[in-house]
Amino acid sequence: MSALWALALAPLPLAGAVLLKRAWDNPGPQRPWLILGGWSLLILALAASVPLMGPLRGPCAILAVGSTAILAFVAAGVERRNARKKAARELAPEPSDRRRVAWRGWLRGFLAGPLAGVAALGCGLAVAICAPGQIQTRMVIGGLIVPFLWAGGMAWTLSDDKILRAFAVLASVATLTLGAAFLKGAL
């Protein structure tokens, strides 16, 4: 019965992926709405799966079926190229056009290192403390995602030109996840 619910909910993540792809392809005034709609459909599919299939099986089934549907969507856009044809040589990408300021480098290093690490640790703790399931499973998953989230936070922070946006996102993720973990642990 769970498989039928997962297949019935599969169009939601697929439609979310279509909206996110459309937002990626066509930047314009409707782009924020497409992004909001795409993520909302993905979250709606996860939220709808919990009462229909259970708190553990539902999100896992939706993530598996939704990922497969999105993979088919991505595979439909694959283009075949001639491997023997030489690609035109391109110059290396230009670094940011902003002038170099010492405090920006130090701030970017702080954001990429300690603050991204605290945000990743907060996510791992939130999963280990707040997620449903066995405590051993939650601890393993929470511990395994920390290095990947930290690396992703570092890469994103170092490649983004907007330092304040990176600070706002990392600080709010750290505050929300650590706050949720400590509130759940205190109760």
N, C-alpha and C. Protein backbone atom coordinates (compact mmCIF):
# COMPACT_ATOMS: atom_id res chain seq x y z
N MET A 1 0.82 -1.19 0.00
CA MET A 1 0.00 0.00 0.00
C MET A 1 0.87 1.26 0.00
N SER A 2 2.03 1.19 0.69
CA SER A 2 2.92 2.35 0.72
C SER A 2 3.45 2.68 -0.66
N ALA A 3 3.72 1.64 -1.45
CA ALA A 3 4.25 1.88 -2.79
C ALA A 3 3.24 2.63 -3.65
N LEU A 4 1.97 2.33 -3.48
CA LEU A 4 0.94 3.03 -4.25
C LEU A 4 0.87 4.50 -3.84
N TRP A 5 0.98 4.78 -2.54
CA TRP A 5 0.98 6.17 -2.09
C TRP A 5 2.21 6.90 -2.61
N ALA A 6 3.35 6.22 -2.60
CA ALA A 6 4.58 6.85 -3.10
C ALA A 6 4.45 7.18 -4.58
N LEU A 7 3.86 6.26 -5.36
CA LEU A 7 3.66 6.52 -6.79
C LEU A 7 2.62 7.61 -7.01
N ALA A 8 1.61 7.65 -6.13
CA ALA A 8 0.58 8.69 -6.27
C ALA A 8 1.15 10.07 -5.96
N LEU A 9 2.12 10.14 -5.05
CA LEU A 9 2.72 11.43 -4.68
C LEU A 9 3.91 11.81 -5.56
N ALA A 10 4.36 10.91 -6.42
CA ALA A 10 5.54 11.16 -7.27
C ALA A 10 5.40 12.38 -8.18
N PRO A 11 4.20 12.71 -8.69
CA PRO A 11 4.12 13.93 -9.53
C PRO A 11 4.47 15.22 -8.79
N LEU A 12 4.30 15.26 -7.47
CA LEU A 12 4.61 16.48 -6.74
C LEU A 12 6.09 16.83 -6.82
N PRO A 13 7.02 15.91 -6.47
CA PRO A 13 8.44 16.29 -6.61
C PRO A 13 8.85 16.51 -8.06
N LEU A 14 8.23 15.79 -8.99
CA LEU A 14 8.54 16.00 -10.40
C LEU A 14 8.11 17.40 -10.85
N ALA A 15 6.92 17.82 -10.44
CA ALA A 15 6.46 19.18 -10.78
C ALA A 15 7.34 20.23 -10.10
N GLY A 16 7.77 19.94 -8.87
CA GLY A 16 8.70 20.85 -8.20
C GLY A 16 10.00 20.98 -8.94
N ALA A 17 10.51 19.86 -9.45
CA ALA A 17 11.76 19.90 -10.22
C ALA A 17 11.57 20.67 -11.52
N VAL A 18 10.41 20.52 -12.15
CA VAL A 18 10.15 21.25 -13.39
C VAL A 18 10.14 22.76 -13.11
N LEU A 19 9.51 23.17 -12.01
CA LEU A 19 9.49 24.59 -11.67
C LEU A 19 10.88 25.12 -11.36
N LEU A 20 11.68 24.34 -10.63
CA LEU A 20 13.04 24.76 -10.32
C LEU A 20 13.89 24.84 -11.58
N LYS A 21 13.71 23.90 -12.51
CA LYS A 21 14.45 23.92 -13.77
C LYS A 21 14.04 25.14 -14.60
N ARG A 22 12.76 25.45 -14.60
CA ARG A 22 12.29 26.62 -15.34
C ARG A 22 12.87 27.90 -14.74
N ALA A 23 12.97 27.95 -13.40
CA ALA A 23 13.57 29.12 -12.75
C ALA A 23 15.05 29.23 -13.08
N TRP A 24 15.71 28.09 -13.21
CA TRP A 24 17.14 28.08 -13.54
C TRP A 24 17.37 28.54 -14.98
N ASP A 25 16.53 28.08 -15.89
CA ASP A 25 16.71 28.37 -17.31
C ASP A 25 16.33 29.81 -17.69
N ASN A 26 15.28 30.34 -17.06
CA ASN A 26 14.75 31.65 -17.46
C ASN A 26 14.77 32.62 -16.29
N PRO A 27 15.91 33.28 -16.05
CA PRO A 27 15.89 34.28 -14.98
C PRO A 27 15.03 35.46 -15.39
N GLY A 28 14.14 35.83 -14.52
CA GLY A 28 13.25 36.94 -14.82
C GLY A 28 12.48 37.32 -13.57
N PRO A 29 11.45 38.14 -13.73
CA PRO A 29 10.71 38.58 -12.54
C PRO A 29 9.93 37.46 -11.86
N GLN A 30 9.57 36.41 -12.58
CA GLN A 30 8.82 35.31 -11.97
C GLN A 30 9.74 34.26 -11.34
N ARG A 31 11.05 34.44 -11.43
CA ARG A 31 11.99 33.45 -10.91
C ARG A 31 11.83 33.16 -9.42
N PRO A 32 11.70 34.16 -8.54
CA PRO A 32 11.51 33.83 -7.12
C PRO A 32 10.25 33.01 -6.86
N TRP A 33 9.20 33.29 -7.63
CA TRP A 33 7.96 32.54 -7.44
C TRP A 33 8.10 31.10 -7.91
N LEU A 34 8.85 30.91 -8.99
CA LEU A 34 9.09 29.54 -9.47
C LEU A 34 9.92 28.75 -8.46
N ILE A 35 10.92 29.40 -7.89
CA ILE A 35 11.74 28.73 -6.87
C ILE A 35 10.90 28.39 -5.66
N LEU A 36 10.11 29.34 -5.19
CA LEU A 36 9.24 29.10 -4.04
C LEU A 36 8.24 27.98 -4.33
N GLY A 37 7.65 28.00 -5.51
CA GLY A 37 6.71 26.95 -5.87
C GLY A 37 7.36 25.59 -5.97
N GLY A 38 8.56 25.53 -6.56
CA GLY A 38 9.25 24.25 -6.69
C GLY A 38 9.59 23.63 -5.35
N TRP A 39 10.18 24.44 -4.46
CA TRP A 39 10.53 23.91 -3.13
C TRP A 39 9.28 23.60 -2.32
N SER A 40 8.22 24.38 -2.51
CA SER A 40 6.97 24.12 -1.79
C SER A 40 6.38 22.78 -2.20
N LEU A 41 6.43 22.46 -3.48
CA LEU A 41 5.91 21.16 -3.92
C LEU A 41 6.74 20.00 -3.38
N LEU A 42 8.06 20.19 -3.33
CA LEU A 42 8.90 19.13 -2.76
C LEU A 42 8.61 18.93 -1.27
N ILE A 43 8.45 20.01 -0.55
CA ILE A 43 8.16 19.91 0.89
C ILE A 43 6.76 19.36 1.11
N LEU A 44 5.81 19.75 0.26
CA LEU A 44 4.45 19.23 0.36
C LEU A 44 4.43 17.72 0.16
N ALA A 45 5.20 17.22 -0.79
CA ALA A 45 5.25 15.77 -1.02
C ALA A 45 5.79 15.05 0.21
N LEU A 46 6.84 15.61 0.82
CA LEU A 46 7.39 14.99 2.04
C LEU A 46 6.38 15.05 3.18
N ALA A 47 5.73 16.20 3.34
CA ALA A 47 4.77 16.35 4.44
C ALA A 47 3.55 15.45 4.23
N ALA A 48 3.10 15.29 3.00
CA ALA A 48 1.94 14.44 2.74
C ALA A 48 2.26 12.96 2.92
N SER A 49 3.54 12.61 2.77
CA SER A 49 3.90 11.20 2.89
C SER A 49 3.88 10.72 4.34
N VAL A 50 4.07 11.62 5.30
CA VAL A 50 4.14 11.22 6.71
C VAL A 50 2.81 10.63 7.19
N PRO A 51 1.66 11.31 7.02
CA PRO A 51 0.42 10.68 7.50
C PRO A 51 -0.01 9.48 6.66
N LEU A 52 0.39 9.46 5.40
CA LEU A 52 -0.06 8.36 4.53
C LEU A 52 0.77 7.09 4.70
N MET A 53 2.08 7.22 4.94
CA MET A 53 2.95 6.05 4.99
C MET A 53 3.73 5.92 6.29
N GLY A 54 3.65 6.90 7.15
CA GLY A 54 4.37 6.82 8.41
C GLY A 54 5.55 7.78 8.42
N PRO A 55 6.03 8.13 9.63
CA PRO A 55 7.09 9.14 9.72
C PRO A 55 8.45 8.67 9.24
N LEU A 56 8.67 7.38 9.18
CA LEU A 56 9.97 6.89 8.73
C LEU A 56 9.92 6.43 7.27
N ARG A 57 8.90 5.65 6.94
CA ARG A 57 8.80 5.10 5.59
C ARG A 57 8.38 6.14 4.57
N GLY A 58 7.53 7.08 4.96
CA GLY A 58 7.00 8.07 4.03
C GLY A 58 8.06 8.94 3.38
N PRO A 59 8.84 9.70 4.17
CA PRO A 59 9.87 10.53 3.54
C PRO A 59 10.90 9.74 2.74
N CYS A 60 11.27 8.56 3.24
CA CYS A 60 12.24 7.74 2.50
C CYS A 60 11.67 7.30 1.15
N ALA A 61 10.41 6.88 1.14
CA ALA A 61 9.79 6.44 -0.11
C ALA A 61 9.65 7.61 -1.08
N ILE A 62 9.25 8.77 -0.58
CA ILE A 62 9.08 9.94 -1.46
C ILE A 62 10.43 10.38 -2.01
N LEU A 63 11.46 10.36 -1.18
CA LEU A 63 12.79 10.75 -1.67
C LEU A 63 13.29 9.77 -2.73
N ALA A 64 13.03 8.48 -2.53
CA ALA A 64 13.48 7.49 -3.51
C ALA A 64 12.69 7.60 -4.82
N VAL A 65 11.37 7.63 -4.74
CA VAL A 65 10.54 7.69 -5.95
C VAL A 65 10.70 9.05 -6.63
N GLY A 66 10.73 10.12 -5.82
CA GLY A 66 10.90 11.45 -6.40
C GLY A 66 12.24 11.63 -7.07
N SER A 67 13.30 11.09 -6.46
CA SER A 67 14.63 11.17 -7.08
C SER A 67 14.67 10.41 -8.39
N THR A 68 14.01 9.26 -8.44
CA THR A 68 13.97 8.49 -9.69
C THR A 68 13.20 9.24 -10.77
N ALA A 69 12.08 9.86 -10.39
CA ALA A 69 11.31 10.63 -11.37
C ALA A 69 12.10 11.83 -11.86
N ILE A 70 12.80 12.51 -10.95
CA ILE A 70 13.59 13.67 -11.34
C ILE A 70 14.78 13.25 -12.18
N LEU A 71 15.35 12.08 -11.88
CA LEU A 71 16.45 11.56 -12.70
C LEU A 71 15.98 11.30 -14.13
N ALA A 72 14.77 10.78 -14.30
CA ALA A 72 14.22 10.59 -15.64
C ALA A 72 14.03 11.93 -16.34
N PHE A 73 13.61 12.94 -15.59
CA PHE A 73 13.45 14.29 -16.13
C PHE A 73 14.80 14.85 -16.58
N VAL A 74 15.84 14.65 -15.78
CA VAL A 74 17.18 15.12 -16.12
C VAL A 74 17.72 14.35 -17.32
N ALA A 75 17.48 13.04 -17.34
CA ALA A 75 17.97 12.21 -18.44
C ALA A 75 17.32 12.60 -19.77
N ALA A 76 16.12 13.13 -19.73
CA ALA A 76 15.45 13.55 -20.97
C ALA A 76 16.17 14.74 -21.61
N GLY A 77 16.92 15.50 -20.84
CA GLY A 77 17.61 16.66 -21.37
C GLY A 77 19.06 16.39 -21.76
N VAL A 78 19.48 15.13 -21.74
CA VAL A 78 20.87 14.80 -22.09
C VAL A 78 21.08 15.00 -23.58
N GLU A 79 22.19 15.58 -23.93
CA GLU A 79 22.50 15.76 -25.35
C GLU A 79 23.76 14.96 -25.69
N ARG A 80 23.76 14.39 -26.86
CA ARG A 80 24.90 13.58 -27.32
C ARG A 80 25.84 14.48 -28.10
N ARG A 81 27.13 14.35 -27.80
CA ARG A 81 28.15 15.13 -28.51
C ARG A 81 29.18 14.19 -29.09
N ASN A 82 29.83 14.67 -30.12
CA ASN A 82 30.89 13.91 -30.74
C ASN A 82 32.14 14.03 -29.86
N ALA A 83 32.62 12.91 -29.34
CA ALA A 83 33.76 12.92 -28.42
C ALA A 83 35.07 13.24 -29.15
N ARG A 84 35.14 12.98 -30.41
CA ARG A 84 36.39 13.21 -31.16
C ARG A 84 36.55 14.64 -31.61
N LYS A 85 35.47 15.38 -31.62
CA LYS A 85 35.54 16.77 -32.03
C LYS A 85 36.21 17.58 -30.92
N LYS A 86 37.16 18.38 -31.29
CA LYS A 86 37.89 19.19 -30.32
C LYS A 86 37.02 20.37 -29.88
N ALA A 87 36.97 20.57 -28.61
CA ALA A 87 36.23 21.70 -28.08
C ALA A 87 37.08 22.96 -28.22
N ALA A 88 36.41 24.06 -28.41
CA ALA A 88 37.12 25.34 -28.52
C ALA A 88 37.76 25.65 -27.17
N ARG A 89 38.99 26.11 -27.21
CA ARG A 89 39.70 26.43 -25.97
C ARG A 89 39.10 27.68 -25.35
N GLU A 90 38.84 27.60 -24.06
CA GLU A 90 38.30 28.74 -23.36
C GLU A 90 39.32 29.24 -22.36
N LEU A 91 39.26 30.51 -22.09
CA LEU A 91 40.11 31.07 -21.06
C LEU A 91 39.57 30.68 -19.69
N ALA A 92 40.41 30.75 -18.71
CA ALA A 92 39.98 30.48 -17.35
C ALA A 92 38.94 31.51 -16.93
N PRO A 93 38.00 31.12 -16.10
CA PRO A 93 36.99 32.09 -15.67
C PRO A 93 37.62 33.23 -14.89
N GLU A 94 37.08 34.39 -15.08
CA GLU A 94 37.61 35.58 -14.41
C GLU A 94 37.22 35.55 -12.93
N PRO A 95 38.13 35.98 -12.06
CA PRO A 95 37.74 36.10 -10.66
C PRO A 95 36.77 37.26 -10.48
N SER A 96 36.27 37.37 -9.31
CA SER A 96 35.31 38.44 -9.03
C SER A 96 35.90 39.80 -9.40
N ASP A 97 35.08 40.67 -9.94
CA ASP A 97 35.55 41.99 -10.38
C ASP A 97 35.67 42.98 -9.23
N ARG A 98 35.30 42.59 -8.03
CA ARG A 98 35.42 43.50 -6.90
C ARG A 98 36.88 43.72 -6.55
N ARG A 99 37.14 44.90 -6.04
CA ARG A 99 38.52 45.16 -5.66
C ARG A 99 38.83 44.38 -4.38
N ARG A 100 40.06 44.06 -4.21
CA ARG A 100 40.50 43.25 -3.08
C ARG A 100 40.58 44.10 -1.82
N VAL A 101 39.95 43.62 -0.77
CA VAL A 101 39.99 44.26 0.53
C VAL A 101 40.35 43.18 1.55
N ALA A 102 41.28 43.47 2.44
CA ALA A 102 41.78 42.46 3.36
C ALA A 102 40.69 41.92 4.28
N TRP A 103 39.81 42.79 4.78
CA TRP A 103 38.80 42.31 5.72
C TRP A 103 37.81 41.37 5.06
N ARG A 104 37.58 41.53 3.74
CA ARG A 104 36.69 40.61 3.03
C ARG A 104 37.25 39.19 3.02
N GLY A 105 38.56 39.09 2.80
CA GLY A 105 39.19 37.78 2.81
C GLY A 105 39.11 37.11 4.17
N TRP A 106 39.37 37.89 5.22
CA TRP A 106 39.28 37.33 6.57
C TRP A 106 37.85 36.94 6.90
N LEU A 107 36.89 37.77 6.53
CA LEU A 107 35.49 37.45 6.80
C LEU A 107 35.05 36.22 6.02
N ARG A 108 35.46 36.15 4.77
CA ARG A 108 35.12 34.98 3.96
C ARG A 108 35.73 33.71 4.55
N GLY A 109 36.96 33.81 5.05
CA GLY A 109 37.60 32.66 5.70
C GLY A 109 36.87 32.25 6.96
N PHE A 110 36.41 33.23 7.75
CA PHE A 110 35.63 32.91 8.95
C PHE A 110 34.31 32.24 8.59
N LEU A 111 33.65 32.77 7.55
CA LEU A 111 32.37 32.20 7.14
C LEU A 111 32.55 30.78 6.62
N ALA A 112 33.58 30.57 5.80
CA ALA A 112 33.78 29.25 5.19
C ALA A 112 34.26 28.22 6.20
N GLY A 113 35.02 28.64 7.18
CA GLY A 113 35.56 27.69 8.14
C GLY A 113 34.66 27.47 9.33
N PRO A 114 34.82 28.29 10.38
CA PRO A 114 34.08 28.03 11.62
C PRO A 114 32.56 28.16 11.49
N LEU A 115 32.05 29.18 10.80
CA LEU A 115 30.61 29.35 10.76
C LEU A 115 29.94 28.26 9.92
N ALA A 116 30.54 27.87 8.81
CA ALA A 116 29.98 26.76 8.04
C ALA A 116 30.05 25.46 8.85
N GLY A 117 31.12 25.30 9.63
CA GLY A 117 31.23 24.12 10.48
C GLY A 117 30.18 24.09 11.57
N VAL A 118 29.90 25.24 12.18
CA VAL A 118 28.86 25.29 13.22
C VAL A 118 27.49 25.01 12.61
N ALA A 119 27.22 25.55 11.43
CA ALA A 119 25.94 25.29 10.77
C ALA A 119 25.81 23.80 10.41
N ALA A 120 26.88 23.19 9.92
CA ALA A 120 26.84 21.76 9.59
C ALA A 120 26.67 20.92 10.85
N LEU A 121 27.36 21.30 11.92
CA LEU A 121 27.22 20.58 13.18
C LEU A 121 25.81 20.72 13.72
N GLY A 122 25.22 21.90 13.58
CA GLY A 122 23.83 22.09 14.01
C GLY A 122 22.88 21.20 13.25
N CYS A 123 23.09 21.07 11.94
CA CYS A 123 22.24 20.17 11.14
C CYS A 123 22.40 18.72 11.60
N GLY A 124 23.63 18.32 11.83
CA GLY A 124 23.88 16.94 12.30
C GLY A 124 23.25 16.70 13.66
N LEU A 125 23.38 17.65 14.58
CA LEU A 125 22.75 17.50 15.89
C LEU A 125 21.24 17.48 15.80
N ALA A 126 20.68 18.33 14.96
CA ALA A 126 19.23 18.36 14.80
C ALA A 126 18.71 17.03 14.26
N VAL A 127 19.43 16.44 13.31
CA VAL A 127 19.03 15.13 12.80
C VAL A 127 19.17 14.08 13.89
N ALA A 128 20.27 14.10 14.64
CA ALA A 128 20.51 13.09 15.66
C ALA A 128 19.52 13.21 16.81
N ILE A 129 19.03 14.40 17.10
CA ILE A 129 18.16 14.57 18.26
C ILE A 129 16.68 14.63 17.87
N CYS A 130 16.36 15.28 16.76
CA CYS A 130 14.96 15.58 16.45
C CYS A 130 14.32 14.62 15.44
N ALA A 131 15.09 13.92 14.65
CA ALA A 131 14.51 13.09 13.59
C ALA A 131 13.83 11.85 14.18
N PRO A 132 12.84 11.32 13.47
CA PRO A 132 12.21 10.09 13.95
C PRO A 132 13.10 8.88 13.66
N GLY A 133 12.88 7.81 14.39
CA GLY A 133 13.63 6.58 14.16
C GLY A 133 14.45 6.19 15.37
N GLN A 134 15.20 5.12 15.21
CA GLN A 134 16.05 4.61 16.28
C GLN A 134 17.18 5.58 16.56
N ILE A 135 17.61 5.64 17.82
CA ILE A 135 18.66 6.58 18.21
C ILE A 135 19.98 6.27 17.51
N GLN A 136 20.29 4.99 17.31
CA GLN A 136 21.54 4.63 16.64
C GLN A 136 21.55 5.11 15.19
N THR A 137 20.43 4.95 14.51
CA THR A 137 20.33 5.38 13.12
C THR A 137 20.43 6.89 13.01
N ARG A 138 19.76 7.59 13.90
CA ARG A 138 19.81 9.05 13.89
C ARG A 138 21.22 9.56 14.14
N MET A 139 21.92 8.92 15.07
CA MET A 139 23.29 9.36 15.39
C MET A 139 24.23 9.13 14.20
N VAL A 140 24.10 7.98 13.56
CA VAL A 140 24.97 7.67 12.42
C VAL A 140 24.70 8.64 11.27
N ILE A 141 23.43 8.85 10.95
CA ILE A 141 23.09 9.76 9.85
C ILE A 141 23.51 11.18 10.19
N GLY A 142 23.24 11.62 11.42
CA GLY A 142 23.64 12.95 11.83
C GLY A 142 25.14 13.16 11.76
N GLY A 143 25.90 12.14 12.15
CA GLY A 143 27.36 12.24 12.10
C GLY A 143 27.91 12.19 10.68
N LEU A 144 27.27 11.43 9.82
CA LEU A 144 27.76 11.30 8.45
C LEU A 144 27.47 12.52 7.58
N ILE A 145 26.41 13.25 7.89
CA ILE A 145 26.09 14.39 7.03
C ILE A 145 26.91 15.64 7.36
N VAL A 146 27.50 15.70 8.56
CA VAL A 146 28.22 16.91 8.97
C VAL A 146 29.37 17.25 8.01
N PRO A 147 30.29 16.31 7.67
CA PRO A 147 31.39 16.72 6.78
C PRO A 147 30.92 17.15 5.39
N PHE A 148 29.88 16.51 4.89
CA PHE A 148 29.37 16.88 3.56
C PHE A 148 28.73 18.26 3.58
N LEU A 149 27.96 18.55 4.64
CA LEU A 149 27.35 19.87 4.75
C LEU A 149 28.41 20.94 4.97
N TRP A 150 29.44 20.62 5.74
CA TRP A 150 30.50 21.59 5.98
C TRP A 150 31.23 21.90 4.67
N ALA A 151 31.54 20.86 3.90
CA ALA A 151 32.21 21.07 2.61
C ALA A 151 31.32 21.87 1.66
N GLY A 152 30.03 21.57 1.65
CA GLY A 152 29.11 22.33 0.80
C GLY A 152 29.01 23.78 1.24
N GLY A 153 28.97 24.02 2.55
CA GLY A 153 28.94 25.39 3.05
C GLY A 153 30.21 26.15 2.71
N MET A 154 31.35 25.47 2.79
CA MET A 154 32.62 26.11 2.43
C MET A 154 32.64 26.47 0.94
N ALA A 155 32.29 25.51 0.10
CA ALA A 155 32.33 25.75 -1.34
C ALA A 155 31.38 26.87 -1.73
N TRP A 156 30.19 26.86 -1.16
CA TRP A 156 29.22 27.89 -1.50
C TRP A 156 29.69 29.26 -1.02
N THR A 157 30.20 29.33 0.21
CA THR A 157 30.64 30.61 0.76
C THR A 157 31.79 31.19 -0.04
N LEU A 158 32.73 30.36 -0.43
CA LEU A 158 33.89 30.86 -1.16
C LEU A 158 33.57 31.23 -2.60
N SER A 159 32.51 30.66 -3.17
CA SER A 159 32.19 30.96 -4.56
C SER A 159 31.15 32.07 -4.70
N ASP A 160 30.45 32.40 -3.63
CA ASP A 160 29.42 33.42 -3.68
C ASP A 160 30.04 34.81 -3.49
N ASP A 161 29.65 35.76 -4.33
CA ASP A 161 30.16 37.12 -4.21
C ASP A 161 29.50 37.91 -3.09
N LYS A 162 28.34 37.51 -2.67
CA LYS A 162 27.58 38.24 -1.65
C LYS A 162 27.94 37.70 -0.26
N ILE A 163 28.77 38.42 0.46
CA ILE A 163 29.22 37.96 1.77
C ILE A 163 28.08 38.03 2.78
N LEU A 164 27.27 39.07 2.71
CA LEU A 164 26.18 39.20 3.68
C LEU A 164 25.14 38.10 3.51
N ARG A 165 24.88 37.69 2.28
CA ARG A 165 23.93 36.59 2.06
C ARG A 165 24.47 35.31 2.65
N ALA A 166 25.76 35.04 2.44
CA ALA A 166 26.36 33.84 3.01
C ALA A 166 26.30 33.88 4.53
N PHE A 167 26.62 35.03 5.11
CA PHE A 167 26.56 35.16 6.56
C PHE A 167 25.14 34.94 7.08
N ALA A 168 24.15 35.55 6.42
CA ALA A 168 22.77 35.44 6.87
C ALA A 168 22.28 33.99 6.80
N VAL A 169 22.60 33.30 5.72
CA VAL A 169 22.14 31.92 5.58
C VAL A 169 22.82 31.02 6.60
N LEU A 170 24.15 31.12 6.72
CA LEU A 170 24.87 30.25 7.64
C LEU A 170 24.49 30.53 9.09
N ALA A 171 24.36 31.81 9.45
CA ALA A 171 24.00 32.14 10.83
C ALA A 171 22.59 31.68 11.15
N SER A 172 21.64 31.85 10.22
CA SER A 172 20.29 31.40 10.51
C SER A 172 20.18 29.89 10.54
N VAL A 173 20.89 29.18 9.68
CA VAL A 173 20.87 27.71 9.74
C VAL A 173 21.46 27.24 11.06
N ALA A 174 22.57 27.82 11.47
CA ALA A 174 23.18 27.44 12.74
C ALA A 174 22.24 27.73 13.91
N THR A 175 21.62 28.90 13.91
CA THR A 175 20.72 29.27 15.01
C THR A 175 19.50 28.37 15.06
N LEU A 176 18.88 28.12 13.91
CA LEU A 176 17.67 27.30 13.89
C LEU A 176 17.94 25.85 14.26
N THR A 177 18.98 25.27 13.69
CA THR A 177 19.23 23.85 13.94
C THR A 177 19.74 23.62 15.36
N LEU A 178 20.66 24.45 15.83
CA LEU A 178 21.13 24.28 17.21
C LEU A 178 20.02 24.60 18.20
N GLY A 179 19.21 25.61 17.91
CA GLY A 179 18.07 25.91 18.78
C GLY A 179 17.09 24.76 18.84
N ALA A 180 16.77 24.16 17.70
CA ALA A 180 15.86 23.01 17.69
C ALA A 180 16.45 21.84 18.44
N ALA A 181 17.74 21.58 18.26
CA ALA A 181 18.37 20.46 18.97
C ALA A 181 18.37 20.69 20.47
N PHE A 182 18.70 21.90 20.90
CA PHE A 182 18.76 22.15 22.34
C PHE A 182 17.35 22.20 22.96
N LEU A 183 16.37 22.71 22.23
CA LEU A 183 15.01 22.71 22.75
C LEU A 183 14.47 21.29 22.88
N LYS A 184 14.74 20.46 21.87
CA LYS A 184 14.28 19.07 21.93
C LYS A 184 15.01 18.33 23.04
N GLY A 185 16.31 18.60 23.21
CA GLY A 185 17.08 17.94 24.27
C GLY A 185 16.65 18.39 25.65
N ALA A 186 16.18 19.64 25.79
CA ALA A 186 15.77 20.15 27.09
C ALA A 186 14.40 19.62 27.49
N LEU A 187 13.59 19.25 26.51
CA LEU A 187 12.23 18.75 26.82
C LEU A 187 12.22 17.31 27.12
